[in-house]
N, C-alpha and C. Protein backbone atom coordinates (compact mmCIF):
# COMPACT_ATOMS: atom_id res chain seq x y z
N UNK A 1 5.06 -3.66 -6.20
CA UNK A 1 4.68 -4.23 -6.89
C UNK A 1 5.35 -4.25 -8.81
N UNK A 2 6.26 -2.95 -8.63
CA UNK A 2 6.75 -3.02 -9.59
C UNK A 2 7.94 -4.23 -9.76
N UNK A 3 8.32 -4.59 -8.83
CA UNK A 3 9.58 -5.47 -8.90
C UNK A 3 8.35 -6.94 -9.37
N UNK A 4 7.45 -7.06 -8.51
CA UNK A 4 6.92 -8.35 -8.88
C UNK A 4 6.09 -8.40 -10.38
N UNK A 5 5.68 -7.20 -11.16
CA UNK A 5 5.19 -6.71 -12.20
C UNK A 5 6.55 -7.19 -13.12
N UNK A 6 7.63 -7.10 -12.75
CA UNK A 6 8.93 -6.96 -13.45
C UNK A 6 9.77 -8.42 -13.58
N UNK A 7 8.84 -9.56 -12.82
CA UNK A 7 9.33 -10.77 -12.71
C UNK A 7 10.50 -11.30 -11.65
N UNK A 8 10.36 -10.06 -10.58
CA UNK A 8 11.80 -9.75 -9.99
C UNK A 8 10.72 -9.86 -8.04
N UNK A 9 11.15 -11.34 -7.47
CA UNK A 9 10.67 -11.17 -6.13
C UNK A 9 10.88 -9.73 -5.32
N UNK A 10 10.14 -9.43 -4.70
CA UNK A 10 10.90 -8.21 -3.54
C UNK A 10 11.85 -9.12 -2.55
N UNK A 11 12.50 -7.99 -1.97
CA UNK A 11 13.66 -8.95 -0.90
C UNK A 11 12.35 -8.90 0.15
N UNK A 12 12.65 -10.19 1.10
CA UNK A 12 11.59 -10.56 2.34
C UNK A 12 11.89 -9.45 3.27
N UNK A 13 11.31 -8.81 4.05
CA UNK A 13 10.83 -8.18 4.79
C UNK A 13 11.71 -8.64 6.48
N UNK A 14 12.62 -8.12 7.06
CA UNK A 14 13.40 -9.07 8.07
C UNK A 14 12.19 -9.57 9.03
N UNK A 15 12.42 -9.81 9.91
CA UNK A 15 11.72 -10.34 11.07
C UNK A 15 10.21 -10.70 11.26
N UNK A 16 9.58 -10.89 12.53
CA UNK A 16 8.27 -11.23 12.60
C UNK A 16 7.07 -10.31 11.79
N UNK A 17 5.47 -11.08 11.54
CA UNK A 17 5.03 -9.50 11.21
C UNK A 17 4.83 -8.85 12.58
N UNK A 18 5.11 -9.08 13.51
CA UNK A 18 4.78 -8.22 14.51
C UNK A 18 6.12 -7.19 14.84
N UNK A 19 7.04 -7.87 14.43
CA UNK A 19 8.33 -6.88 14.35
C UNK A 19 8.30 -6.01 13.50
N UNK A 20 8.03 -6.06 11.87
CA UNK A 20 7.65 -5.84 10.85
C UNK A 20 7.28 -4.30 11.30
N UNK A 21 5.92 -4.50 11.52
CA UNK A 21 4.77 -3.64 12.33
C UNK A 21 5.04 -2.73 13.28
N UNK A 22 6.01 -3.01 14.14
CA UNK A 22 6.59 -2.58 15.34
C UNK A 22 7.85 -1.04 14.81
N UNK A 23 8.40 -1.97 13.54
CA UNK A 23 9.55 -1.01 12.97
C UNK A 23 8.45 0.19 12.04
N UNK A 24 7.50 -0.05 11.62
CA UNK A 24 6.89 1.25 11.16
C UNK A 24 5.72 1.60 11.83
N UNK A 25 5.52 1.45 12.67
CA UNK A 25 5.24 1.88 13.70
C UNK A 25 6.35 3.22 14.29
N UNK A 26 7.49 2.99 14.21
CA UNK A 26 8.10 3.79 14.91
C UNK A 26 8.60 5.15 13.85
N UNK A 27 8.46 4.77 12.64
CA UNK A 27 8.46 5.89 11.58
C UNK A 27 7.47 6.81 11.48
N UNK A 28 6.06 5.99 11.70
CA UNK A 28 4.87 6.44 11.26
C UNK A 28 4.24 7.74 12.41
N UNK A 29 4.64 7.11 13.92
CA UNK A 29 4.06 7.66 14.80
C UNK A 29 4.84 8.72 15.01
N UNK A 30 5.67 9.53 13.96
CA UNK A 30 5.87 11.06 14.51
C UNK A 30 4.97 12.31 13.04
N UNK A 31 3.88 10.93 12.09
CA UNK A 31 3.22 11.91 11.10
C UNK A 31 1.98 12.64 12.27
N UNK A 32 1.93 13.68 11.73
CA UNK A 32 -0.07 13.92 12.22
C UNK A 32 -0.78 13.31 11.43
N UNK A 33 -2.10 13.23 12.56
CA UNK A 33 -2.96 12.38 11.34
C UNK A 33 -3.38 12.98 10.10
N UNK A 34 -3.08 14.31 9.93
CA UNK A 34 -3.21 15.33 8.38
C UNK A 34 -2.41 13.94 7.60
N UNK A 35 -0.74 14.42 7.83
CA UNK A 35 0.14 13.99 7.16
C UNK A 35 0.03 12.35 6.77
N UNK A 36 -0.43 11.39 8.11
CA UNK A 36 -0.56 9.97 7.66
C UNK A 36 -1.93 9.82 6.54
N UNK A 37 -3.04 10.68 7.00
CA UNK A 37 -4.10 10.75 5.83
C UNK A 37 -3.51 10.98 4.61
N UNK A 38 -2.56 12.05 4.14
CA UNK A 38 -2.19 12.25 2.76
C UNK A 38 -1.85 11.34 2.52
N UNK A 39 -1.06 10.88 3.55
CA UNK A 39 0.43 9.69 2.82
C UNK A 39 -0.17 8.32 2.49
N UNK A 40 -1.46 8.16 2.95
CA UNK A 40 -2.72 7.00 2.69
C UNK A 40 -3.22 7.02 1.50
N UNK A 41 -3.79 8.64 0.90
CA UNK A 41 -4.47 8.53 0.02
C UNK A 41 -3.73 8.79 -1.16
N UNK A 42 -2.12 9.26 -0.96
CA UNK A 42 -1.69 9.59 -2.10
C UNK A 42 -0.81 8.21 -2.68
N UNK A 43 -0.63 7.07 -1.68
CA UNK A 43 0.08 5.94 -1.77
C UNK A 43 -0.95 5.22 -2.67
N UNK A 44 -2.29 5.27 -2.12
CA UNK A 44 -3.47 4.49 -2.55
C UNK A 44 -3.52 4.69 -4.12
N UNK A 45 -3.32 6.53 -4.65
CA UNK A 45 -3.33 6.81 -6.18
C UNK A 45 -2.26 6.53 -6.59
N UNK A 46 -0.99 6.71 -6.35
CA UNK A 46 0.28 5.79 -6.86
C UNK A 46 -0.28 4.52 -7.52
N UNK A 47 -0.68 3.42 -6.25
CA UNK A 47 -0.68 2.09 -6.44
C UNK A 47 -1.87 1.62 -7.79
N UNK A 48 -2.93 3.11 -7.55
CA UNK A 48 -3.88 2.62 -8.55
C UNK A 48 -3.57 2.84 -9.91
N UNK A 49 -2.68 3.81 -10.13
CA UNK A 49 -2.07 4.41 -11.57
C UNK A 49 -1.34 3.37 -11.99
N UNK A 50 -0.48 2.67 -10.96
CA UNK A 50 0.70 1.45 -11.19
C UNK A 50 -0.42 0.47 -11.75
N UNK A 51 -1.46 0.01 -11.30
CA UNK A 51 -2.45 -0.75 -11.72
C UNK A 51 -3.13 -1.04 -13.13
N UNK A 52 -3.44 0.52 -13.16
CA UNK A 52 -3.82 1.03 -14.41
C UNK A 52 -2.86 0.98 -15.91
N UNK A 53 -1.70 0.56 -15.50
CA UNK A 53 -0.73 1.14 -16.08
C UNK A 53 -0.26 -0.41 -16.71
N UNK A 54 -0.82 -1.54 -16.42
CA UNK A 54 -0.43 -2.79 -16.65
C UNK A 54 -1.17 -3.29 -17.90
N UNK A 55 -0.07 -4.00 -18.69
CA UNK A 55 -0.65 -4.55 -19.82
C UNK A 55 -1.42 -5.76 -19.38
N UNK A 56 -2.33 -6.19 -20.36
CA UNK A 56 -3.04 -7.55 -19.87
C UNK A 56 -2.61 -8.39 -19.39
N UNK A 57 -1.16 -8.72 -20.05
CA UNK A 57 -0.50 -9.62 -19.42
C UNK A 57 -0.26 -9.42 -18.33
N UNK A 58 0.37 -8.73 -18.00
CA UNK A 58 0.84 -7.96 -16.15
C UNK A 58 -0.87 -8.43 -15.93
N UNK A 59 -1.83 -7.75 -16.15
CA UNK A 59 -2.97 -7.49 -15.40
C UNK A 59 -2.95 -9.21 -14.88
N UNK A 60 -3.31 -10.57 -15.80
CA UNK A 60 -3.45 -11.64 -15.50
C UNK A 60 -2.45 -11.95 -14.63
N UNK A 61 -1.16 -11.92 -15.07
CA UNK A 61 0.19 -12.63 -14.20
C UNK A 61 -0.17 -12.05 -12.60
N UNK A 62 -0.65 -11.00 -12.55
CA UNK A 62 -0.74 -9.91 -10.94
C UNK A 62 -1.40 -9.63 -10.77
N UNK A 63 -2.00 -8.40 -11.63
CA UNK A 63 -2.85 -7.38 -11.09
C UNK A 63 -4.63 -7.83 -10.58
N UNK A 64 -4.50 -8.88 -11.46
CA UNK A 64 -6.20 -9.28 -10.64
C UNK A 64 -5.99 -9.97 -9.29
N UNK A 65 -4.60 -10.91 -8.84
CA UNK A 65 -4.44 -10.80 -7.79
C UNK A 65 -4.47 -9.95 -6.65
N UNK A 66 -4.13 -9.15 -6.84
CA UNK A 66 -4.06 -7.64 -6.09
C UNK A 66 -4.28 -6.58 -6.09
N UNK A 67 -5.73 -6.69 -7.04
CA UNK A 67 -6.41 -5.80 -7.10
C UNK A 67 -6.99 -5.23 -5.68
N UNK A 68 -7.46 -6.17 -5.47
CA UNK A 68 -8.25 -5.89 -3.96
C UNK A 68 -7.47 -4.72 -3.00
N UNK A 69 -6.22 -5.48 -2.82
CA UNK A 69 -5.73 -4.48 -1.84
C UNK A 69 -5.12 -2.85 -2.48
N UNK A 70 -5.98 -2.95 -3.26
CA UNK A 70 -5.31 -1.53 -3.77
C UNK A 70 -6.78 -0.50 -4.17
N UNK A 71 -7.88 -1.44 -4.43
CA UNK A 71 -8.84 -1.07 -4.76
C UNK A 71 -9.61 0.21 -3.96
N UNK A 72 -9.41 -0.28 -2.61
CA UNK A 72 -10.13 0.33 -1.85
C UNK A 72 -10.15 -0.09 -0.09
N UNK A 73 -10.68 -1.25 -0.67
CA UNK A 73 -11.19 -2.01 1.07
C UNK A 73 -10.21 -1.80 1.57
N UNK A 74 -8.76 -2.29 1.47
CA UNK A 74 -7.84 -2.00 2.37
C UNK A 74 -7.47 -0.61 2.97
N UNK A 75 -7.56 0.48 1.92
CA UNK A 75 -7.25 1.63 2.50
C UNK A 75 -8.32 2.37 3.41
N UNK A 76 -9.61 1.79 2.75
CA UNK A 76 -10.94 2.78 3.63
C UNK A 76 -11.05 2.05 5.35
N UNK A 77 -9.85 0.95 5.41
CA UNK A 77 -9.67 0.33 6.97
C UNK A 77 -9.06 1.14 7.79
N UNK A 78 -8.06 2.18 6.79
CA UNK A 78 -6.91 2.59 7.16
C UNK A 78 -7.64 4.13 7.34
N UNK A 79 -8.41 4.49 6.17
CA UNK A 79 -9.03 6.28 6.11
C UNK A 79 -9.82 6.29 7.48
N UNK A 80 -10.38 4.86 7.71
CA UNK A 80 -11.34 4.67 8.98
C UNK A 80 -10.72 5.37 10.49
N UNK A 81 -9.44 5.31 10.26
CA UNK A 81 -8.55 5.71 11.58
C UNK A 81 -7.87 6.73 11.84
N UNK A 82 -8.08 7.30 10.32
CA UNK A 82 -7.64 9.05 9.89
C UNK A 82 -8.50 9.73 9.57
N UNK A 83 -9.66 9.99 10.20
CA UNK A 83 -10.87 11.04 9.92
C UNK A 83 -9.95 12.34 10.15
N UNK A 84 -10.14 13.28 9.38
CA UNK A 84 -9.77 14.83 9.34
C UNK A 84 -10.16 15.26 10.86
N UNK A 85 -9.27 15.93 11.47
CA UNK A 85 -9.76 16.68 12.90
C UNK A 85 -11.36 17.67 12.32
N UNK A 86 -12.23 17.75 12.93
CA UNK A 86 -13.12 18.47 12.70
C UNK A 86 -13.52 19.82 14.16
């Protein structure tokens, strides 16, 4: 997000969507459920802070179109799979 706000295109990820997800799965599979949940909550909070720090111009150019990914709907899906053990 910081790159896009700064008018720099993020480097494309190598591979198909399935290959990219497989690489992320390798990295994430070592996390416990609690670690994965904490990471998800922390990353969502960091993204929200970044959105709130946008200037009005940046909001119009970038924030409005990406807010839905950060506001919660996206993360609710992930958190639904990462319910705390009780």
